[in-house]
Full PDB file with SEQRES, HELIX, SHEET, SSBOND, CRYST1, ORIGX, SCALE, CONECT and MASTER records, all heavy atoms in Angstrom:
SEQRES   1 A   31  ARG LEU PRO PRO VAL ALA PHE THR LYS GLU GLU ALA THR          
SEQRES   2 A   31  ALA PHE LEU THR ALA GLU LYS PHE ILE GLU LYS LEU THR          
SEQRES   3 A   31  ASP ALA SER THR VAL                                          
HELIX    1 AA1 LYS A    9  LEU A   25  1                                  17    
CRYST1    1.000    1.000    1.000  90.00  90.00  90.00 P 1           1          
ORIGX1      1.000000  0.000000  0.000000        0.00000                         
ORIGX2      0.000000  1.000000  0.000000        0.00000                         
ORIGX3      0.000000  0.000000  1.000000        0.00000                         
SCALE1      1.000000  0.000000  0.000000        0.00000                         
SCALE2      0.000000  1.000000  0.000000        0.00000                         
SCALE3      0.000000  0.000000  1.000000        0.00000                         
ATOM      1  N   ARG A   1    -111.126   8.389  29.537  1.00  0.00           N  
ATOM      2  CA  ARG A   1    -111.344   9.818  29.321  1.00  0.00           C  
ATOM      3  C   ARG A   1    -110.091  10.422  28.683  1.00  0.00           C  
ATOM      4  O   ARG A   1    -108.965  10.020  29.021  1.00  0.00           O  
ATOM      5  CB  ARG A   1    -111.640  10.540  30.606  1.00  0.00           C  
ATOM      6  CG  ARG A   1    -112.960  10.208  31.233  1.00  0.00           C  
ATOM      7  CD  ARG A   1    -114.158  10.649  30.412  1.00  0.00           C  
ATOM      8  NE  ARG A   1    -115.406  10.378  31.038  1.00  0.00           N  
ATOM      9  CZ  ARG A   1    -116.103   9.294  30.862  1.00  0.00           C  
ATOM     10  NH1 ARG A   1    -115.614   8.305  30.027  1.00  0.00           N  
ATOM     11  NH2 ARG A   1    -117.287   9.053  31.423  1.00  0.00           N  
ATOM     12  N   LEU A   2    -110.345  11.356  27.738  1.00  0.00           N  
ATOM     13  CA  LEU A   2    -109.234  12.105  27.200  1.00  0.00           C  
ATOM     14  C   LEU A   2    -109.168  13.499  27.748  1.00  0.00           C  
ATOM     15  O   LEU A   2    -110.205  13.974  28.237  1.00  0.00           O  
ATOM     16  CB  LEU A   2    -109.427  12.206  25.597  1.00  0.00           C  
ATOM     17  CG  LEU A   2    -109.246  10.844  24.892  1.00  0.00           C  
ATOM     18  CD1 LEU A   2    -109.669  11.017  23.432  1.00  0.00           C  
ATOM     19  CD2 LEU A   2    -107.809  10.345  25.016  1.00  0.00           C  
ATOM     20  N   PRO A   3    -108.014  14.189  27.655  1.00  0.00           N  
ATOM     21  CA  PRO A   3    -107.965  15.507  28.161  1.00  0.00           C  
ATOM     22  C   PRO A   3    -108.990  16.432  27.380  1.00  0.00           C  
ATOM     23  O   PRO A   3    -109.337  16.157  26.249  1.00  0.00           O  
ATOM     24  CB  PRO A   3    -106.536  15.954  27.839  1.00  0.00           C  
ATOM     25  CG  PRO A   3    -105.794  14.698  27.708  1.00  0.00           C  
ATOM     26  CD  PRO A   3    -106.798  13.668  27.160  1.00  0.00           C  
ATOM     27  N   PRO A   4    -109.413  17.547  27.952  1.00  0.00           N  
ATOM     28  CA  PRO A   4    -110.361  18.472  27.305  1.00  0.00           C  
ATOM     29  C   PRO A   4    -109.820  18.881  25.998  1.00  0.00           C  
ATOM     30  O   PRO A   4    -108.634  19.154  25.799  1.00  0.00           O  
ATOM     31  CB  PRO A   4    -110.456  19.673  28.238  1.00  0.00           C  
ATOM     32  CG  PRO A   4    -110.091  19.085  29.576  1.00  0.00           C  
ATOM     33  CD  PRO A   4    -109.068  18.055  29.307  1.00  0.00           C  
ATOM     34  N   VAL A   5    -110.720  18.950  24.924  1.00  0.00           N  
ATOM     35  CA  VAL A   5    -110.314  19.402  23.651  1.00  0.00           C  
ATOM     36  C   VAL A   5    -110.169  20.932  23.609  1.00  0.00           C  
ATOM     37  O   VAL A   5    -110.746  21.642  24.445  1.00  0.00           O  
ATOM     38  CB  VAL A   5    -111.322  18.982  22.594  1.00  0.00           C  
ATOM     39  CG1 VAL A   5    -111.440  17.450  22.484  1.00  0.00           C  
ATOM     40  CG2 VAL A   5    -112.699  19.594  22.846  1.00  0.00           C  
ATOM     41  N   ALA A   6    -109.428  21.430  22.656  1.00  0.00           N  
ATOM     42  CA  ALA A   6    -109.256  22.839  22.466  1.00  0.00           C  
ATOM     43  C   ALA A   6    -110.250  23.336  21.431  1.00  0.00           C  
ATOM     44  O   ALA A   6    -110.450  22.666  20.419  1.00  0.00           O  
ATOM     45  CB  ALA A   6    -107.840  23.207  22.086  1.00  0.00           C  
ATOM     46  N   PHE A   7    -110.850  24.432  21.713  1.00  0.00           N  
ATOM     47  CA  PHE A   7    -111.825  24.986  20.792  1.00  0.00           C  
ATOM     48  C   PHE A   7    -111.165  26.084  19.875  1.00  0.00           C  
ATOM     49  O   PHE A   7    -110.236  26.787  20.328  1.00  0.00           O  
ATOM     50  CB  PHE A   7    -112.993  25.652  21.491  1.00  0.00           C  
ATOM     51  CG  PHE A   7    -113.803  24.728  22.328  1.00  0.00           C  
ATOM     52  CD1 PHE A   7    -113.643  24.613  23.660  1.00  0.00           C  
ATOM     53  CD2 PHE A   7    -114.710  23.840  21.706  1.00  0.00           C  
ATOM     54  CE1 PHE A   7    -114.446  23.724  24.422  1.00  0.00           C  
ATOM     55  CE2 PHE A   7    -115.488  22.980  22.421  1.00  0.00           C  
ATOM     56  CZ  PHE A   7    -115.376  22.930  23.855  1.00  0.00           C  
ATOM     57  N   THR A   8    -111.659  26.164  18.657  1.00  0.00           N  
ATOM     58  CA  THR A   8    -111.174  27.195  17.801  1.00  0.00           C  
ATOM     59  C   THR A   8    -111.899  28.501  18.132  1.00  0.00           C  
ATOM     60  O   THR A   8    -112.930  28.476  18.850  1.00  0.00           O  
ATOM     61  CB  THR A   8    -111.492  26.850  16.290  1.00  0.00           C  
ATOM     62  OG1 THR A   8    -112.889  26.864  16.126  1.00  0.00           O  
ATOM     63  CG2 THR A   8    -110.936  25.476  15.939  1.00  0.00           C  
ATOM     64  N   LYS A   9    -111.420  29.632  17.581  1.00  0.00           N  
ATOM     65  CA  LYS A   9    -112.069  30.909  17.853  1.00  0.00           C  
ATOM     66  C   LYS A   9    -113.490  30.881  17.319  1.00  0.00           C  
ATOM     67  O   LYS A   9    -114.377  31.466  17.969  1.00  0.00           O  
ATOM     68  CB  LYS A   9    -111.234  32.023  17.251  1.00  0.00           C  
ATOM     69  CG  LYS A   9    -109.903  32.325  17.935  1.00  0.00           C  
ATOM     70  CD  LYS A   9    -109.215  33.537  17.409  1.00  0.00           C  
ATOM     71  CE  LYS A   9    -108.785  33.344  15.945  1.00  0.00           C  
ATOM     72  NZ  LYS A   9    -108.041  34.555  15.420  1.00  0.00           N  
ATOM     73  N   GLU A  10    -113.676  30.256  16.167  1.00  0.00           N  
ATOM     74  CA  GLU A  10    -115.014  30.277  15.601  1.00  0.00           C  
ATOM     75  C   GLU A  10    -115.953  29.429  16.458  1.00  0.00           C  
ATOM     76  O   GLU A  10    -117.138  29.799  16.624  1.00  0.00           O  
ATOM     77  CB  GLU A  10    -114.934  29.643  14.172  1.00  0.00           C  
ATOM     78  CG  GLU A  10    -114.232  30.517  13.135  1.00  0.00           C  
ATOM     79  CD  GLU A  10    -112.721  30.541  13.315  1.00  0.00           C  
ATOM     80  OE1 GLU A  10    -112.194  29.609  13.931  1.00  0.00           O  
ATOM     81  OE2 GLU A  10    -112.107  31.333  12.665  1.00  0.00           O  
ATOM     82  N   GLU A  11    -115.474  28.337  17.006  1.00  0.00           N  
ATOM     83  CA  GLU A  11    -116.314  27.503  17.890  1.00  0.00           C  
ATOM     84  C   GLU A  11    -116.622  28.208  19.161  1.00  0.00           C  
ATOM     85  O   GLU A  11    -117.825  28.177  19.630  1.00  0.00           O  
ATOM     86  CB  GLU A  11    -115.614  26.148  18.198  1.00  0.00           C  
ATOM     87  CG  GLU A  11    -115.507  25.235  16.961  1.00  0.00           C  
ATOM     88  CD  GLU A  11    -114.597  24.040  17.231  1.00  0.00           C  
ATOM     89  OE1 GLU A  11    -113.725  24.172  18.100  1.00  0.00           O  
ATOM     90  OE2 GLU A  11    -114.748  23.021  16.528  1.00  0.00           O  
ATOM     91  N   ALA A  12    -115.648  28.927  19.739  1.00  0.00           N  
ATOM     92  CA  ALA A  12    -115.917  29.688  20.936  1.00  0.00           C  
ATOM     93  C   ALA A  12    -116.969  30.816  20.690  1.00  0.00           C  
ATOM     94  O   ALA A  12    -117.850  31.027  21.493  1.00  0.00           O  
ATOM     95  CB  ALA A  12    -114.630  30.304  21.434  1.00  0.00           C  
ATOM     96  N   THR A  13    -116.860  31.448  19.505  1.00  0.00           N  
ATOM     97  CA  THR A  13    -117.820  32.490  19.193  1.00  0.00           C  
ATOM     98  C   THR A  13    -119.225  31.922  19.033  1.00  0.00           C  
ATOM     99  O   THR A  13    -120.191  32.556  19.426  1.00  0.00           O  
ATOM    100  CB  THR A  13    -117.375  33.181  17.855  1.00  0.00           C  
ATOM    101  OG1 THR A  13    -116.083  33.732  18.034  1.00  0.00           O  
ATOM    102  CG2 THR A  13    -118.411  34.313  17.552  1.00  0.00           C  
ATOM    103  N   ALA A  14    -119.276  30.687  18.471  1.00  0.00           N  
ATOM    104  CA  ALA A  14    -120.584  30.002  18.324  1.00  0.00           C  
ATOM    105  C   ALA A  14    -121.220  29.755  19.615  1.00  0.00           C  
ATOM    106  O   ALA A  14    -122.452  29.906  19.772  1.00  0.00           O  
ATOM    107  CB  ALA A  14    -120.382  28.707  17.516  1.00  0.00           C  
ATOM    108  N   PHE A  15    -120.487  29.364  20.685  1.00  0.00           N  
ATOM    109  CA  PHE A  15    -120.953  29.151  21.970  1.00  0.00           C  
ATOM    110  C   PHE A  15    -121.629  30.468  22.488  1.00  0.00           C  
ATOM    111  O   PHE A  15    -122.724  30.443  23.074  1.00  0.00           O  
ATOM    112  CB  PHE A  15    -119.914  28.666  22.885  1.00  0.00           C  
ATOM    113  CG  PHE A  15    -119.563  27.236  22.816  1.00  0.00           C  
ATOM    114  CD1 PHE A  15    -118.256  26.856  22.604  1.00  0.00           C  
ATOM    115  CD2 PHE A  15    -120.505  26.247  22.922  1.00  0.00           C  
ATOM    116  CE1 PHE A  15    -117.898  25.527  22.490  1.00  0.00           C  
ATOM    117  CE2 PHE A  15    -120.193  24.889  22.797  1.00  0.00           C  
ATOM    118  CZ  PHE A  15    -118.926  24.543  22.596  1.00  0.00           C  
ATOM    119  N   LEU A  16    -120.930  31.523  22.331  1.00  0.00           N  
ATOM    120  CA  LEU A  16    -121.413  32.805  22.861  1.00  0.00           C  
ATOM    121  C   LEU A  16    -122.669  33.226  22.090  1.00  0.00           C  
ATOM    122  O   LEU A  16    -123.629  33.748  22.736  1.00  0.00           O  
ATOM    123  CB  LEU A  16    -120.333  33.899  22.708  1.00  0.00           C  
ATOM    124  CG  LEU A  16    -120.714  35.244  23.181  1.00  0.00           C  
ATOM    125  CD1 LEU A  16    -120.970  35.259  24.652  1.00  0.00           C  
ATOM    126  CD2 LEU A  16    -119.571  36.298  22.893  1.00  0.00           C  
ATOM    127  N   THR A  17    -122.746  33.073  20.770  1.00  0.00           N  
ATOM    128  CA  THR A  17    -123.932  33.336  20.048  1.00  0.00           C  
ATOM    129  C   THR A  17    -125.108  32.514  20.447  1.00  0.00           C  
ATOM    130  O   THR A  17    -126.186  33.082  20.605  1.00  0.00           O  
ATOM    131  CB  THR A  17    -123.609  33.128  18.514  1.00  0.00           C  
ATOM    132  OG1 THR A  17    -122.513  33.870  18.093  1.00  0.00           O  
ATOM    133  CG2 THR A  17    -124.873  33.532  17.678  1.00  0.00           C  
ATOM    134  N   ALA A  18    -124.900  31.245  20.666  1.00  0.00           N  
ATOM    135  CA  ALA A  18    -125.949  30.362  21.172  1.00  0.00           C  
ATOM    136  C   ALA A  18    -126.487  30.866  22.497  1.00  0.00           C  
ATOM    137  O   ALA A  18    -127.684  30.797  22.776  1.00  0.00           O  
ATOM    138  CB  ALA A  18    -125.452  28.921  21.222  1.00  0.00           C  
ATOM    139  N   GLU A  19    -125.584  31.299  23.354  1.00  0.00           N  
ATOM    140  CA  GLU A  19    -125.966  31.764  24.689  1.00  0.00           C  
ATOM    141  C   GLU A  19    -126.969  32.947  24.575  1.00  0.00           C  
ATOM    142  O   GLU A  19    -127.919  33.028  25.313  1.00  0.00           O  
ATOM    143  CB  GLU A  19    -124.747  32.172  25.447  1.00  0.00           C  
ATOM    144  CG  GLU A  19    -125.096  32.617  26.938  1.00  0.00           C  
ATOM    145  CD  GLU A  19    -123.856  32.927  27.690  1.00  0.00           C  
ATOM    146  OE1 GLU A  19    -122.816  33.331  27.080  1.00  0.00           O  
ATOM    147  OE2 GLU A  19    -123.846  32.719  28.945  1.00  0.00           O  
ATOM    148  N   LYS A  20    -126.710  33.848  23.573  1.00  0.00           N  
ATOM    149  CA  LYS A  20    -127.600  35.008  23.420  1.00  0.00           C  
ATOM    150  C   LYS A  20    -128.963  34.566  23.013  1.00  0.00           C  
ATOM    151  O   LYS A  20    -129.976  35.112  23.501  1.00  0.00           O  
ATOM    152  CB  LYS A  20    -126.980  35.941  22.364  1.00  0.00           C  
ATOM    153  CG  LYS A  20    -125.660  36.484  22.621  1.00  0.00           C  
ATOM    154  CD  LYS A  20    -125.614  37.438  23.872  1.00  0.00           C  
ATOM    155  CE  LYS A  20    -124.205  38.006  24.096  1.00  0.00           C  
ATOM    156  NZ  LYS A  20    -124.295  38.959  25.250  1.00  0.00           N  
ATOM    157  N   PHE A  21    -129.098  33.573  22.126  1.00  0.00           N  
ATOM    158  CA  PHE A  21    -130.376  33.092  21.711  1.00  0.00           C  
ATOM    159  C   PHE A  21    -131.079  32.401  22.855  1.00  0.00           C  
ATOM    160  O   PHE A  21    -132.297  32.543  23.025  1.00  0.00           O  
ATOM    161  CB  PHE A  21    -130.256  32.085  20.540  1.00  0.00           C  
ATOM    162  CG  PHE A  21    -130.014  32.782  19.218  1.00  0.00           C  
ATOM    163  CD1 PHE A  21    -128.779  32.775  18.562  1.00  0.00           C  
ATOM    164  CD2 PHE A  21    -131.115  33.471  18.585  1.00  0.00           C  
ATOM    165  CE1 PHE A  21    -128.608  33.447  17.367  1.00  0.00           C  
ATOM    166  CE2 PHE A  21    -130.891  34.092  17.361  1.00  0.00           C  
ATOM    167  CZ  PHE A  21    -129.658  34.092  16.794  1.00  0.00           C  
ATOM    168  N   ILE A  22    -130.391  31.591  23.606  1.00  0.00           N  
ATOM    169  CA  ILE A  22    -130.973  30.803  24.721  1.00  0.00           C  
ATOM    170  C   ILE A  22    -131.580  31.814  25.710  1.00  0.00           C  
ATOM    171  O   ILE A  22    -132.614  31.584  26.326  1.00  0.00           O  
ATOM    172  CB  ILE A  22    -129.978  29.871  25.338  1.00  0.00           C  
ATOM    173  CG1 ILE A  22    -129.723  28.704  24.377  1.00  0.00           C  
ATOM    174  CG2 ILE A  22    -130.425  29.339  26.675  1.00  0.00           C  
ATOM    175  CD1 ILE A  22    -128.624  27.775  24.786  1.00  0.00           C  
ATOM    176  N   GLU A  23    -130.854  32.865  26.029  1.00  0.00           N  
ATOM    177  CA  GLU A  23    -131.342  33.866  26.936  1.00  0.00           C  
ATOM    178  C   GLU A  23    -132.697  34.398  26.596  1.00  0.00           C  
ATOM    179  O   GLU A  23    -133.542  34.773  27.438  1.00  0.00           O  
ATOM    180  CB  GLU A  23    -130.344  35.013  27.121  1.00  0.00           C  
ATOM    181  CG  GLU A  23    -129.080  34.596  27.851  1.00  0.00           C  
ATOM    182  CD  GLU A  23    -128.075  35.759  27.845  1.00  0.00           C  
ATOM    183  OE1 GLU A  23    -128.320  36.743  27.191  1.00  0.00           O  
ATOM    184  OE2 GLU A  23    -126.995  35.623  28.515  1.00  0.00           O  
ATOM    185  N   LYS A  24    -132.998  34.551  25.289  1.00  0.00           N  
ATOM    186  CA  LYS A  24    -134.178  35.183  24.784  1.00  0.00           C  
ATOM    187  C   LYS A  24    -135.289  34.175  24.480  1.00  0.00           C  
ATOM    188  O   LYS A  24    -136.489  34.523  24.451  1.00  0.00           O  
ATOM    189  CB  LYS A  24    -133.899  36.103  23.558  1.00  0.00           C  
ATOM    190  CG  LYS A  24    -132.961  37.226  23.845  1.00  0.00           C  
ATOM    191  CD  LYS A  24    -133.598  38.226  24.835  1.00  0.00           C  
ATOM    192  CE  LYS A  24    -132.615  39.476  25.045  1.00  0.00           C  
ATOM    193  NZ  LYS A  24    -133.181  40.394  26.012  1.00  0.00           N  
ATOM    194  N   LEU A  25    -134.886  32.952  24.052  1.00  0.00           N  
ATOM    195  CA  LEU A  25    -135.904  32.097  23.491  1.00  0.00           C  
ATOM    196  C   LEU A  25    -136.294  30.896  24.320  1.00  0.00           C  
ATOM    197  O   LEU A  25    -137.099  30.072  23.869  1.00  0.00           O  
ATOM    198  CB  LEU A  25    -135.357  31.521  22.131  1.00  0.00           C  
ATOM    199  CG  LEU A  25    -135.010  32.576  21.131  1.00  0.00           C  
ATOM    200  CD1 LEU A  25    -134.522  31.913  19.801  1.00  0.00           C  
ATOM    201  CD2 LEU A  25    -136.184  33.432  20.786  1.00  0.00           C  
ATOM    202  N   THR A  26    -135.708  30.739  25.570  1.00  0.00           N  
ATOM    203  CA  THR A  26    -136.091  29.601  26.432  1.00  0.00           C  
ATOM    204  C   THR A  26    -136.479  30.114  27.783  1.00  0.00           C  
ATOM    205  O   THR A  26    -136.642  31.268  28.018  1.00  0.00           O  
ATOM    206  CB  THR A  26    -134.877  28.692  26.529  1.00  0.00           C  
ATOM    207  OG1 THR A  26    -133.742  29.391  27.100  1.00  0.00           O  
ATOM    208  CG2 THR A  26    -134.449  28.123  25.190  1.00  0.00           C  
ATOM    209  N   ASP A  27    -136.700  29.127  28.737  1.00  0.00           N  
ATOM    210  CA  ASP A  27    -137.167  29.567  30.032  1.00  0.00           C  
ATOM    211  C   ASP A  27    -136.051  29.643  31.019  1.00  0.00           C  
ATOM    212  O   ASP A  27    -134.847  29.439  30.656  1.00  0.00           O  
ATOM    213  CB  ASP A  27    -138.182  28.449  30.488  1.00  0.00           C  
ATOM    214  CG  ASP A  27    -137.545  27.063  30.651  1.00  0.00           C  
ATOM    215  OD1 ASP A  27    -136.360  26.943  30.314  1.00  0.00           O  
ATOM    216  OD2 ASP A  27    -138.259  26.108  31.028  1.00  0.00           O  
ATOM    217  N   ALA A  28    -136.371  30.052  32.226  1.00  0.00           N  
ATOM    218  CA  ALA A  28    -135.408  30.402  33.225  1.00  0.00           C  
ATOM    219  C   ALA A  28    -134.429  29.251  33.556  1.00  0.00           C  
ATOM    220  O   ALA A  28    -133.241  29.402  33.737  1.00  0.00           O  
ATOM    221  CB  ALA A  28    -136.012  30.925  34.451  1.00  0.00           C  
ATOM    222  N   SER A  29    -135.016  28.000  33.676  1.00  0.00           N  
ATOM    223  CA  SER A  29    -134.198  26.857  34.055  1.00  0.00           C  
ATOM    224  C   SER A  29    -133.183  26.536  32.959  1.00  0.00           C  
ATOM    225  O   SER A  29    -132.006  26.250  33.292  1.00  0.00           O  
ATOM    226  CB  SER A  29    -135.111  25.659  34.311  1.00  0.00           C  
ATOM    227  OG  SER A  29    -135.916  25.835  35.462  1.00  0.00           O  
ATOM    228  N   THR A  30    -133.602  26.578  31.760  1.00  0.00           N  
ATOM    229  CA  THR A  30    -132.673  26.344  30.623  1.00  0.00           C  
ATOM    230  C   THR A  30    -131.609  27.335  30.552  1.00  0.00           C  
ATOM    231  O   THR A  30    -130.383  27.050  30.325  1.00  0.00           O  
ATOM    232  CB  THR A  30    -133.482  26.263  29.276  1.00  0.00           C  
ATOM    233  OG1 THR A  30    -134.581  25.326  29.361  1.00  0.00           O  
ATOM    234  CG2 THR A  30    -132.539  25.879  28.147  1.00  0.00           C  
ATOM    235  N   VAL A  31    -131.943  28.587  30.768  1.00  0.00           N  
ATOM    236  CA  VAL A  31    -130.977  29.678  30.804  1.00  0.00           C  
ATOM    237  C   VAL A  31    -129.902  29.437  31.801  1.00  0.00           C  
ATOM    238  O   VAL A  31    -128.713  29.553  31.652  1.00  0.00           O  
ATOM    239  CB  VAL A  31    -131.629  31.065  30.982  1.00  0.00           C  
ATOM    240  CG1 VAL A  31    -130.542  32.131  31.163  1.00  0.00           C  
ATOM    241  CG2 VAL A  31    -132.461  31.361  29.749  1.00  0.00           C  
TER     242      VAL A  31                                                      
MASTER        0    0    0    1    0    0    0    6  241    1    0    3          
END                                                                             
């Protein structure tokens, strides 16, 4: 195992954007 990687600001923002879509487009367990 390697130490956790560091994310760029753009990658971090992409995670947040994906979270918004998942909240609206999937079911409760996936959310």
